[in-house]
C-alpha cells in the first residue's frame, strides 16, 4: 500500500485572487477585441493590488476601467469587510500594464509560437471527469467551502481556505480509503472551534466524500492551526501562477512549469496545455487506454510543435505510435490551429481560474469535450 496527497484552495486564497484578476482583465480585453494579445501578472497584498504585464489590443481603455474590473473581482470573491484590511471598497491599485514588444507582436502575427516551452495534458478513467480521484476530491471540497459560504449555509465563513486529501492505494494503484482529510477555512471572529468543526464535517465534508472511502483509519483535520480569522491578502501575499499544480491535475501528473492565467491563447503555455488535455481526454474516453499523458513542445517563432509525446503507462489497447499518427494526421497543432479548433478567442477564462481548468462535462470548455471519440475509436476497431 502507498499514500498520495493532493491539495486545493478556494477562490478567496491570495494566489487564486491574483489568478482571477489576471483572467478577468484578459476576458475584458477579449470581449472588446477578440484579437487582443495579453500577458498580465497580478500581485495582491494588504489593501493593495498591483497589475503588471503586456498587451496589444484595439480596445481603448483607461486606468479607471482597469480599476473597476479589479474591484468587481474582489467584490465577487467576497472581500467586502473593511475591517479585514483587504476589501474592494478600500484597495489601492497600481497599474503597470504596458504595450507588447514589437518583436513579439511580429512573431505572433506570423503565426509562430510566442515562446518556447513544454506542456502536458492528462486524463484517467479513475473518475467520470477524467481526473485523478485524490485531486478531484480536494478540489470539490474547496468548491464546497465557497458554496456553503455564498449560499449562507455557513454564513460565518470567509473567503480564504485550503483543502487536502491523502488517499491510500493498493499495489495496482486502486484507491482503498482516505487516510486524512484537511480543511482549513477562514472564519469570522468569536467562532468556537468545536462548532466550526461540527459544521464543516456536516455541510462540507459529508456531502462531498463518499462514505465508502472512510473507515476507522481516516483522520479529519479541520482548522488544525485553530483560529483562522486573519486571511486572504491581509495575511499572505498572492501572485498569479503560484497554484499551477492545482490548475492542472494535482501532483500526480507532470507539469511544464508555465502558468495559464492572464495569458491569451497565442501563448502556448495555455493553449498547448488545453490542447494536450483535449487529446488525452478523448483518447481515454475512446477506450484506447486507462490513462494518458500528452506532451507538446514548441520553439519561439516556429508554428509546429517540435515534439509530440504520448505515455499510456502500459494501459494501451493499441500501439502508442498509431495513436500519435492519428493525432498528427487529424489535428493542426500550430498555435493558430489550436485556437481555431478550441475556439479560444472567447472571454471565458476567469471561470477557469475560479472553478478549475480541467474536469468539466458540461461543454462549457471546448477542450473538455469528448467529440473526437469516434475518430480514436476507429483504432480499436481496426485492431480487432
Protein backbone atom coordinates (compact mmCIF):
# COMPACT_ATOMS: atom_id res chain seq x y z
CA UNK A 1 0.00 0.00 0.00
CA UNK A 2 1.05 3.59 -0.57
CA UNK A 3 -0.24 7.07 0.17
CA UNK A 4 -0.58 10.03 -2.16
CA UNK A 5 -1.87 13.54 -1.46
CA UNK A 6 -3.40 16.42 -3.42
CA UNK A 7 -4.44 19.88 -2.30
CA UNK A 8 -6.72 22.67 -3.44
CA UNK A 9 -7.51 26.24 -2.42
CA UNK A 10 -10.68 28.33 -2.54
CA UNK A 11 -11.19 31.27 -4.86
CA UNK A 12 -10.53 33.54 -1.87
CA UNK A 13 -6.97 32.29 -1.44
CA UNK A 14 -4.48 35.10 -2.23
CA UNK A 15 -2.87 33.32 -5.18
CA UNK A 16 -6.27 32.50 -6.65
CA UNK A 17 -7.41 36.10 -6.26
CA UNK A 18 -4.40 37.08 -8.37
CA UNK A 19 -5.23 34.44 -11.00
CA UNK A 20 -8.83 35.62 -11.22
CA UNK A 21 -7.87 39.27 -11.61
CA UNK A 22 -5.41 38.40 -14.39
CA UNK A 23 -8.03 36.34 -16.21
CA UNK A 24 -10.81 38.89 -15.64
CA UNK A 25 -8.65 41.53 -17.32
CA UNK A 26 -7.89 39.10 -20.15
CA UNK A 27 -11.61 38.47 -20.63
CA UNK A 28 -12.38 42.18 -20.59
CA UNK A 29 -9.97 42.77 -23.48
CA UNK A 30 -11.12 39.73 -25.48
CA UNK A 31 -14.74 40.84 -25.11
CA UNK A 32 -13.94 44.14 -26.84
CA UNK A 33 -11.26 42.84 -29.23
CA UNK A 34 -11.01 39.05 -29.77
CA UNK A 35 -7.57 39.55 -31.33
CA UNK A 36 -6.13 41.05 -28.14
CA UNK A 37 -2.74 39.75 -27.08
CA UNK A 38 -2.46 39.71 -23.30
CA UNK A 39 0.06 38.66 -20.64
CA UNK A 40 -0.89 40.04 -17.23
CA UNK A 41 0.52 39.25 -13.79
CA UNK A 42 -1.14 40.31 -10.55
CA UNK A 43 0.14 40.78 -7.01
CA UNK A 44 -2.26 41.14 -4.09
CA UNK A 45 -1.32 42.10 -0.56
CA UNK A 46 -2.73 44.10 2.34
CA UNK A 47 -5.09 46.68 0.75
CA UNK A 48 -3.01 46.76 -2.46
CA UNK A 49 -3.39 45.19 -5.91
CA UNK A 50 -0.58 45.52 -8.44
CA UNK A 51 -1.09 44.56 -12.09
CA UNK A 52 1.83 44.23 -14.50
CA UNK A 53 2.27 42.93 -17.99
CA UNK A 54 2.00 43.49 -21.69
CA UNK A 55 -0.96 43.82 -24.04
CA UNK A 56 -1.74 44.62 -27.65
CA UNK A 57 -5.37 45.48 -28.31
CA UNK A 58 -7.56 47.78 -30.38
CA UNK A 59 -9.72 48.37 -27.31
CA UNK A 60 -9.25 51.83 -25.84
CA UNK A 61 -9.21 51.70 -22.06
CA UNK A 62 -8.02 53.82 -19.17
CA UNK A 63 -6.91 53.28 -15.58
CA UNK A 64 -10.45 53.67 -14.27
CA UNK A 65 -11.58 50.78 -16.47
CA UNK A 66 -8.80 48.56 -15.09
CA UNK A 67 -9.67 49.52 -11.53
CA UNK A 68 -13.36 48.74 -12.00
CA UNK A 69 -12.59 45.26 -13.37
CA UNK A 70 -10.31 44.53 -10.42
CA UNK A 71 -12.72 45.84 -7.78
CA UNK A 72 -15.58 43.80 -9.25
CA UNK A 73 -13.48 40.63 -9.00
CA UNK A 74 -12.56 41.30 -5.37
CA UNK A 75 -16.21 42.09 -4.55
CA UNK A 76 -17.47 38.92 -6.26
CA UNK A 77 -14.97 36.79 -4.36
CA UNK A 78 -16.39 38.12 -1.11
CA UNK A 79 -13.86 40.55 0.31
CA UNK A 80 -16.32 43.23 1.38
CA UNK A 81 -15.46 43.94 5.02
CA UNK A 82 -13.28 46.99 5.65
CA UNK A 83 -12.11 45.55 8.97
CA UNK A 84 -10.26 42.73 7.16
CA UNK A 85 -7.66 45.05 5.54
CA UNK A 86 -8.45 43.77 2.06
CA UNK A 87 -11.79 44.84 0.62
CA UNK A 88 -12.98 46.11 -2.73
CA UNK A 89 -14.05 49.45 -1.25
CA UNK A 90 -10.59 50.38 0.05
CA UNK A 91 -7.94 48.67 -2.09
CA UNK A 92 -5.30 50.77 -3.80
CA UNK A 93 -4.49 49.69 -7.35
CA UNK A 94 -1.12 50.15 -9.05
CA UNK A 95 -1.26 49.67 -12.82
CA UNK A 96 1.96 48.86 -14.67
CA UNK A 97 0.44 47.32 -17.81
CA UNK A 98 2.22 48.41 -21.00
CA UNK A 99 2.26 47.62 -24.71
CA UNK A 100 3.58 44.30 -26.01
CA UNK A 101 7.01 44.49 -27.66
CA UNK A 102 7.12 44.95 -31.43
CA UNK A 103 9.36 41.89 -31.82
CA UNK A 104 6.89 39.59 -30.07
CA UNK A 105 3.99 41.16 -31.97
CA UNK A 106 5.74 40.32 -35.25
CA UNK A 107 6.34 36.70 -34.20
CA UNK A 108 2.70 36.14 -33.23
CA UNK A 109 1.48 37.95 -36.36
CA UNK A 110 3.49 35.45 -38.41
CA UNK A 111 1.60 32.64 -36.62
CA UNK A 112 4.60 31.37 -34.68
CA UNK A 113 4.68 30.35 -31.03
CA UNK A 114 5.22 33.36 -28.77
CA UNK A 115 7.70 31.47 -26.60
CA UNK A 116 9.44 28.15 -26.19
CA UNK A 117 8.08 25.66 -23.71
CA UNK A 118 6.56 22.29 -22.99
CA UNK A 119 3.03 21.49 -21.90
CA UNK A 120 1.36 18.37 -20.52
CA UNK A 121 -2.19 17.13 -20.81
CA UNK A 122 -3.60 14.19 -18.85
CA UNK A 123 -6.71 12.08 -18.47
CA UNK A 124 -7.58 8.99 -16.45
CA UNK A 125 -10.54 6.62 -16.12
CA UNK A 126 -10.24 6.90 -12.34
CA UNK A 127 -13.21 9.33 -12.24
CA UNK A 128 -16.09 10.36 -14.51
CA UNK A 129 -14.41 13.72 -15.03
CA UNK A 130 -11.20 12.03 -16.19
CA UNK A 131 -9.20 13.46 -13.28
CA UNK A 132 -7.23 11.70 -10.51
CA UNK A 133 -9.54 10.90 -7.60
CA UNK A 134 -7.38 12.45 -4.85
CA UNK A 135 -7.13 15.73 -6.75
CA UNK A 136 -10.83 15.83 -7.63
CA UNK A 137 -11.87 15.25 -4.02
CA UNK A 138 -9.59 18.03 -2.77
CA UNK A 139 -10.93 20.42 -5.40
CA UNK A 140 -14.55 19.53 -4.72
CA UNK A 141 -14.03 20.23 -1.03
CA UNK A 142 -12.63 23.69 -1.77
CA UNK A 143 -15.50 24.44 -4.14
CA UNK A 144 -17.95 23.28 -1.49
CA UNK A 145 -16.35 25.60 1.07
CA UNK A 146 -17.13 28.50 -1.24
CA UNK A 147 -20.63 27.23 -1.95
CA UNK A 148 -21.71 26.97 1.70
CA UNK A 149 -20.35 30.44 2.36
CA UNK A 150 -22.01 32.10 -0.63
CA UNK A 151 -25.35 30.34 -0.10
CA UNK A 152 -25.29 31.37 3.58
CA UNK A 153 -25.41 27.75 4.74
CA UNK A 154 -22.40 28.61 6.88
CA UNK A 155 -22.55 32.42 6.87
CA UNK A 156 -19.69 32.79 9.35
CA UNK A 157 -17.10 31.55 6.83
CA UNK A 158 -14.83 33.97 4.99
CA UNK A 159 -13.31 33.55 1.50
CA UNK A 160 -9.84 32.12 2.20
CA UNK A 161 -9.44 28.36 2.56
CA UNK A 162 -7.45 25.25 1.69
CA UNK A 163 -8.13 21.52 1.50
CA UNK A 164 -6.01 18.39 1.23
CA UNK A 165 -6.75 14.72 0.65
CA UNK A 166 -4.39 11.80 1.30
CA UNK A 167 -5.54 8.56 -0.33
CA UNK A 168 -4.25 5.07 0.32
CA UNK A 169 -3.74 2.91 -2.80
CA UNK A 170 -3.06 -0.79 -3.29
CA UNK A 171 -0.14 -2.17 -5.29
CA UNK A 172 -2.17 -1.77 -8.51
CA UNK A 173 -2.88 1.92 -7.81
CA UNK A 174 -6.52 1.31 -6.94
CA UNK A 175 -7.81 3.68 -4.22
CA UNK A 176 -8.62 1.89 -0.97
CA UNK A 177 -9.56 4.55 1.57
CA UNK A 178 -8.81 8.10 2.65
CA UNK A 179 -6.00 8.39 5.17
CA UNK A 180 -6.60 12.05 6.00
CA UNK A 181 -8.84 14.99 5.13
CA UNK A 182 -7.63 18.52 5.83
CA UNK A 183 -9.93 21.54 5.68
CA UNK A 184 -8.62 24.95 6.73
CA UNK A 185 -11.09 27.79 6.40
CA UNK A 186 -11.08 31.45 7.29
CA UNK A 187 -13.93 32.44 9.58
CA UNK A 188 -15.38 35.36 11.48
CA UNK A 189 -14.26 36.22 14.98
CA UNK A 190 -15.68 34.52 18.06
CA UNK A 191 -16.49 31.22 16.35
CA UNK A 192 -15.92 28.25 18.63
CA UNK A 193 -13.65 25.67 17.04
CA UNK A 194 -15.84 22.70 18.01
CA UNK A 195 -18.86 24.42 16.47
CA UNK A 196 -16.83 25.11 13.33
CA UNK A 197 -15.57 21.51 13.07
CA UNK A 198 -19.06 20.08 13.52
CA UNK A 199 -20.48 22.24 10.75
CA UNK A 200 -17.60 21.71 8.32
CA UNK A 201 -17.95 17.97 8.77
CA UNK A 202 -21.72 18.05 8.23
CA UNK A 203 -22.04 20.61 5.44
CA UNK A 204 -18.71 20.41 3.60
CA UNK A 205 -17.09 17.00 4.02
CA UNK A 206 -20.08 14.65 4.21
CA UNK A 207 -21.80 15.93 1.03
CA UNK A 208 -18.58 15.53 -0.98
CA UNK A 209 -16.80 12.44 0.31
CA UNK A 210 -18.23 9.01 -0.47
CA UNK A 211 -18.54 7.15 2.87
CA UNK A 212 -17.09 4.07 1.16
CA UNK A 213 -13.72 5.85 1.29
CA UNK A 214 -13.97 6.50 5.04
CA UNK A 215 -13.00 3.97 7.70
CA UNK A 216 -11.66 3.85 11.23
CA UNK A 217 -8.19 4.79 9.96
CA UNK A 218 -9.36 8.06 8.38
CA UNK A 219 -8.20 11.21 10.16
CA UNK A 220 -10.03 14.54 9.99
CA UNK A 221 -8.09 17.78 10.43
CA UNK A 222 -10.43 20.77 10.44
CA UNK A 223 -8.61 24.05 11.05
CA UNK A 224 -5.66 22.23 12.65
CA UNK A 225 -4.00 25.59 13.36
CA UNK A 226 -7.08 26.60 15.40
CA UNK A 227 -8.20 30.20 14.85
CA UNK A 228 -8.15 31.42 11.22
CA UNK A 229 -9.67 34.92 11.35
CA UNK A 230 -6.98 36.88 9.52
CA UNK A 231 -6.77 35.52 6.00
CA UNK A 232 -6.60 36.46 2.35
CA UNK A 233 -4.11 39.10 1.14
CA UNK A 234 -4.18 40.76 4.57
CA UNK A 235 -2.30 37.71 5.85
CA UNK A 236 -0.37 36.43 2.81
CA UNK A 237 0.72 37.98 -0.47
CA UNK A 238 -0.78 36.39 -3.58
CA UNK A 239 0.74 36.13 -7.04
CA UNK A 240 -0.52 34.92 -10.41
CA UNK A 241 0.74 31.46 -11.34
CA UNK A 242 1.63 30.07 -7.92
CA UNK A 243 -1.08 27.40 -7.98
CA UNK A 244 -0.12 25.74 -11.26
CA UNK A 245 -0.41 22.19 -9.88
CA UNK A 246 -3.95 22.84 -8.66
CA UNK A 247 -4.70 24.42 -12.04
CA UNK A 248 -3.71 21.16 -13.73
CA UNK A 249 -4.14 17.65 -12.26
CA UNK A 250 -2.54 17.65 -8.83
CA UNK A 251 0.95 16.45 -8.03
CA UNK A 252 0.43 13.05 -9.65
CA UNK A 253 1.00 14.46 -13.14
CA UNK A 254 4.00 16.20 -14.68
CA UNK A 255 3.82 19.93 -15.41
CA UNK A 256 5.68 22.06 -17.94
CA UNK A 257 6.08 24.92 -15.48
CA UNK A 258 4.16 27.66 -17.26
CA UNK A 259 1.00 29.08 -15.73
CA UNK A 260 -2.26 29.65 -17.60
CA UNK A 261 -3.87 32.70 -16.05
CA UNK A 262 -3.55 36.15 -17.60
CA UNK A 263 -2.44 34.77 -20.96
CA UNK A 264 -4.39 34.81 -24.21
CA UNK A 265 -4.37 31.69 -26.36
CA UNK A 266 -1.46 32.82 -28.54
CA UNK A 267 0.65 31.84 -25.53
CA UNK A 268 1.24 28.10 -25.85
CA UNK A 269 1.61 27.77 -22.07
CA UNK A 270 -2.17 27.96 -22.05
CA UNK A 271 -3.39 26.83 -25.47
CA UNK A 272 -0.88 23.98 -25.72
CA UNK A 273 -1.87 22.64 -22.29
CA UNK A 274 -5.57 22.85 -23.19
CA UNK A 275 -4.96 21.01 -26.46
CA UNK A 276 -2.93 18.31 -24.73
CA UNK A 277 -5.81 17.77 -22.27
CA UNK A 278 -8.31 17.66 -25.16
CA UNK A 279 -6.34 14.92 -26.89
CA UNK A 280 -5.68 12.90 -23.73
CA UNK A 281 -9.31 13.04 -22.61
CA UNK A 282 -10.66 11.91 -25.98
CA UNK A 283 -8.11 9.11 -26.20
CA UNK A 284 -9.12 7.74 -22.78
CA UNK A 285 -12.83 8.28 -23.44
CA UNK A 286 -12.49 6.28 -26.65
CA UNK A 287 -11.18 3.32 -24.65
CA UNK A 288 -7.69 3.29 -26.14
CA UNK A 289 -6.13 3.29 -22.67
CA UNK A 290 -6.98 3.77 -19.00
CA UNK A 291 -4.82 6.85 -18.58
CA UNK A 292 -2.92 9.04 -20.97
CA UNK A 293 -0.31 11.78 -20.81
CA UNK A 294 0.36 14.00 -23.81
CA UNK A 295 3.32 16.36 -24.08
CA UNK A 296 3.64 19.15 -26.63
CA UNK A 297 6.75 21.30 -27.04
CA UNK A 298 7.32 24.49 -29.03
CA UNK A 299 10.16 26.78 -30.14
CA UNK A 300 9.66 30.54 -30.26
CA UNK A 301 8.68 31.84 -33.73
CA UNK A 302 8.06 28.29 -35.10
CA UNK A 303 4.45 27.29 -35.63
CA UNK A 304 4.51 23.49 -35.45
CA UNK A 305 5.43 21.66 -32.23
CA UNK A 306 9.00 20.43 -32.09
CA UNK A 307 7.81 17.29 -30.29
CA UNK A 308 4.66 15.31 -29.60
CA UNK A 309 4.86 12.61 -26.93
CA UNK A 310 2.38 10.11 -25.51
CA UNK A 311 2.55 7.90 -22.43
CA UNK A 312 -0.27 5.47 -21.67
CA UNK A 313 1.53 3.91 -18.69
CA UNK A 314 1.19 0.40 -20.09
CA UNK A 315 -2.62 0.58 -20.25
CA UNK A 316 -2.93 0.99 -24.03
CA UNK A 317 -5.12 -1.34 -26.11
CA UNK A 318 -3.49 -0.19 -29.37
CA UNK A 319 0.15 0.73 -30.08
CA UNK A 320 1.08 4.24 -28.96
CA UNK A 321 2.66 5.03 -32.32
CA UNK A 322 -0.72 4.51 -34.02
CA UNK A 323 -2.32 6.99 -31.63
CA UNK A 324 0.43 9.52 -32.40
CA UNK A 325 -0.08 9.02 -36.14
CA UNK A 326 -3.80 9.66 -35.75
CA UNK A 327 -3.10 12.90 -33.89
CA UNK A 328 -0.56 14.10 -36.44
CA UNK A 329 -2.84 13.32 -39.38
CA UNK A 330 -6.02 14.88 -37.97
CA UNK A 331 -5.11 17.83 -35.74
CA UNK A 332 -3.45 21.14 -36.54
CA UNK A 333 -1.18 21.64 -33.54
CA UNK A 334 0.11 25.07 -34.52
CA UNK A 335 -0.90 27.86 -32.12
CA UNK A 336 -3.37 29.22 -34.66
CA UNK A 337 -4.67 25.72 -35.37
CA UNK A 338 -5.31 25.09 -31.68
CA UNK A 339 -7.05 28.44 -31.28
CA UNK A 340 -9.33 27.57 -34.19
CA UNK A 341 -10.09 24.00 -33.06
CA UNK A 342 -10.85 25.02 -29.47
CA UNK A 343 -12.33 28.45 -30.25
CA UNK A 344 -10.07 30.18 -27.75
CA UNK A 345 -10.84 33.82 -28.54
CA UNK A 346 -13.92 33.87 -26.34
CA UNK A 347 -13.87 35.69 -22.97
CA UNK A 348 -14.31 32.64 -20.73
CA UNK A 349 -11.07 32.41 -18.81
CA UNK A 350 -11.99 33.91 -15.45
CA UNK A 351 -14.20 30.88 -14.83
CA UNK A 352 -11.20 28.57 -15.28
CA UNK A 353 -9.16 30.31 -12.59
CA UNK A 354 -12.15 30.18 -10.25
CA UNK A 355 -13.54 26.66 -10.80
CA UNK A 356 -10.67 24.76 -12.42
CA UNK A 357 -9.30 24.49 -15.93
CA UNK A 358 -9.98 20.76 -16.30
CA UNK A 359 -12.61 18.28 -15.17
CA UNK A 360 -15.89 19.51 -16.60
CA UNK A 361 -18.53 17.60 -18.54
CA UNK A 362 -20.97 20.44 -19.18
CA UNK A 363 -19.49 21.53 -22.54
CA UNK A 364 -18.59 24.90 -21.06
CA UNK A 365 -14.98 24.49 -22.18
CA UNK A 366 -14.19 23.23 -25.68
CA UNK A 367 -11.07 21.38 -24.52
CA UNK A 368 -13.22 19.29 -22.17
CA UNK A 369 -15.49 17.96 -24.92
CA UNK A 370 -15.14 14.33 -25.99
CA UNK A 371 -16.27 14.91 -29.56
CA UNK A 372 -13.22 13.16 -31.04
CA UNK A 373 -14.11 9.75 -29.59
CA UNK A 374 -15.41 8.43 -32.96
CA UNK A 375 -12.07 9.28 -34.58
CA UNK A 376 -9.97 7.50 -31.96
CA UNK A 377 -12.41 4.59 -31.62
CA UNK A 378 -11.60 3.59 -35.19
CA UNK A 379 -8.19 2.45 -33.99
CA UNK A 380 -9.80 -0.12 -31.70
CA UNK A 381 -11.99 -1.43 -34.49
CA UNK A 382 -9.01 -1.70 -36.83
CA UNK A 383 -7.09 -3.66 -34.18
CA UNK A 384 -9.96 -6.13 -33.87
